[in-house]
Amino acid sequence: MVKLIFMKVILDVKDDKASFFMELLKNFSFVKTKPLTKKDEFLEGLKESVEQVKLAKQGKIKLKSAEELLNEL
């Protein structure tokens, strides 16, 4: 029995280069491409936020306060 292992990668590509980059990736037989929808992007951001909260609870990172976030605006 062979178990296949895949790695998912999210890349940020400038809009003006995205179609070229997607076409390039489609030419590799070992790469499967799928553009993210807005919902996918939201869920990915949510997952990242939950992971940051977990790390903060474990004392591994320090989150910004609400005041720090407001000051960035």
C-alpha atoms as a PDB file:
ATOM      1  CA  MET A   1       0.000   0.000   0.000  1.00  0.00           C
ATOM      2  CA  VAL A   2       1.421   3.359  -1.032  1.00  0.00           C
ATOM      3  CA  LYS A   3       0.435   6.439   0.938  1.00  0.00           C
ATOM      4  CA  LEU A   4       0.689   9.669  -1.001  1.00  0.00           C
ATOM      5  CA  ILE A   5       1.654  12.774   0.923  1.00  0.00           C
ATOM      6  CA  PHE A   6       0.783  16.230  -0.341  1.00  0.00           C
ATOM      7  CA  MET A   7       1.730  19.667   0.885  1.00  0.00           C
ATOM      8  CA  LYS A   8      -0.610  22.625   0.447  1.00  0.00           C
ATOM      9  CA  VAL A   9       0.973  25.991  -0.190  1.00  0.00           C
ATOM     10  CA  ILE A  10      -0.665  29.400  -0.239  1.00  0.00           C
ATOM     11  CA  LEU A  11       1.135  32.040  -2.265  1.00  0.00           C
ATOM     12  CA  ASP A  12       0.485  35.756  -2.595  1.00  0.00           C
ATOM     13  CA  VAL A  13       0.924  36.770  -6.227  1.00  0.00           C
ATOM     14  CA  LYS A  14       0.367  40.250  -7.629  1.00  0.00           C
ATOM     15  CA  ASP A  15      -2.871  40.464  -9.612  1.00  0.00           C
ATOM     16  CA  ASP A  16      -1.111  41.432 -12.825  1.00  0.00           C
ATOM     17  CA  LYS A  17       1.054  38.269 -12.653  1.00  0.00           C
ATOM     18  CA  ALA A  18      -1.563  35.823 -11.335  1.00  0.00           C
ATOM     19  CA  SER A  19      -2.829  34.477 -14.656  1.00  0.00           C
ATOM     20  CA  PHE A  20       0.733  33.896 -15.903  1.00  0.00           C
ATOM     21  CA  PHE A  21       1.683  32.164 -12.668  1.00  0.00           C
ATOM     22  CA  MET A  22      -1.429  29.945 -12.669  1.00  0.00           C
ATOM     23  CA  GLU A  23      -0.770  28.966 -16.291  1.00  0.00           C
ATOM     24  CA  LEU A  24       2.825  28.134 -15.400  1.00  0.00           C
ATOM     25  CA  LEU A  25       1.761  25.901 -12.505  1.00  0.00           C
ATOM     26  CA  LYS A  26      -0.819  24.090 -14.646  1.00  0.00           C
ATOM     27  CA  ASN A  27       2.034  22.872 -16.856  1.00  0.00           C
ATOM     28  CA  PHE A  28       3.502  20.799 -14.014  1.00  0.00           C
ATOM     29  CA  SER A  29       1.826  17.394 -13.894  1.00  0.00           C
ATOM     30  CA  PHE A  30       2.550  17.081 -10.167  1.00  0.00           C
ATOM     31  CA  VAL A  31       0.856  20.383  -9.226  1.00  0.00           C
ATOM     32  CA  LYS A  32      -2.878  20.798  -8.745  1.00  0.00           C
ATOM     33  CA  THR A  33      -4.078  24.418  -8.765  1.00  0.00           C
ATOM     34  CA  LYS A  34      -7.237  25.999  -7.446  1.00  0.00           C
ATOM     35  CA  PRO A  35      -7.692  29.734  -6.939  1.00  0.00           C
ATOM     36  CA  LEU A  36      -9.098  30.631  -3.526  1.00  0.00           C
ATOM     37  CA  THR A  37     -12.527  32.167  -3.264  1.00  0.00           C
ATOM     38  CA  LYS A  38     -13.226  35.012  -0.831  1.00  0.00           C
ATOM     39  CA  LYS A  39     -14.792  32.421   1.477  1.00  0.00           C
ATOM     40  CA  ASP A  40     -11.612  30.306   1.327  1.00  0.00           C
ATOM     41  CA  GLU A  41      -9.500  33.371   2.119  1.00  0.00           C
ATOM     42  CA  PHE A  42     -11.750  34.237   5.070  1.00  0.00           C
ATOM     43  CA  LEU A  43     -11.601  30.693   6.466  1.00  0.00           C
ATOM     44  CA  GLU A  44      -7.814  30.585   6.059  1.00  0.00           C
ATOM     45  CA  GLY A  45      -7.512  33.858   7.971  1.00  0.00           C
ATOM     46  CA  LEU A  46      -9.832  32.544  10.663  1.00  0.00           C
ATOM     47  CA  LYS A  47      -7.735  29.374  11.047  1.00  0.00           C
ATOM     48  CA  GLU A  48      -4.606  31.489  11.366  1.00  0.00           C
ATOM     49  CA  SER A  49      -6.275  33.649  14.032  1.00  0.00           C
ATOM     50  CA  VAL A  50      -7.352  30.603  16.046  1.00  0.00           C
ATOM     51  CA  GLU A  51      -3.789  29.243  15.869  1.00  0.00           C
ATOM     52  CA  GLN A  52      -2.422  32.565  17.135  1.00  0.00           C
ATOM     53  CA  VAL A  53      -4.860  32.531  20.069  1.00  0.00           C
ATOM     54  CA  LYS A  54      -3.762  28.971  20.943  1.00  0.00           C
ATOM     55  CA  LEU A  55      -0.097  30.028  20.857  1.00  0.00           C
ATOM     56  CA  ALA A  56      -0.881  33.071  23.011  1.00  0.00           C
ATOM     57  CA  LYS A  57      -2.664  30.904  25.592  1.00  0.00           C
ATOM     58  CA  GLN A  58       0.413  28.667  25.700  1.00  0.00           C
ATOM     59  CA  GLY A  59       2.582  31.761  26.268  1.00  0.00           C
ATOM     60  CA  LYS A  60       4.501  31.226  23.035  1.00  0.00           C
ATOM     61  CA  ILE A  61       3.510  34.563  21.468  1.00  0.00           C
ATOM     62  CA  LYS A  62       2.130  37.874  22.704  1.00  0.00           C
ATOM     63  CA  LEU A  63      -0.961  39.231  20.983  1.00  0.00           C
ATOM     64  CA  LYS A  64      -1.532  42.954  20.405  1.00  0.00           C
ATOM     65  CA  SER A  65      -3.996  44.729  22.649  1.00  0.00           C
ATOM     66  CA  ALA A  66      -7.122  46.356  21.229  1.00  0.00           C
ATOM     67  CA  GLU A  67      -5.483  49.733  21.821  1.00  0.00           C
ATOM     68  CA  GLU A  68      -2.418  48.694  19.768  1.00  0.00           C
ATOM     69  CA  LEU A  69      -4.671  47.523  16.939  1.00  0.00           C
ATOM     70  CA  LEU A  70      -6.609  50.806  16.948  1.00  0.00           C
ATOM     71  CA  ASN A  71      -3.386  52.806  16.923  1.00  0.00           C
ATOM     72  CA  GLU A  72      -2.370  51.019  13.709  1.00  0.00           C
ATOM     73  CA  LEU A  73      -5.434  52.415  11.968  1.00  0.00           C
END
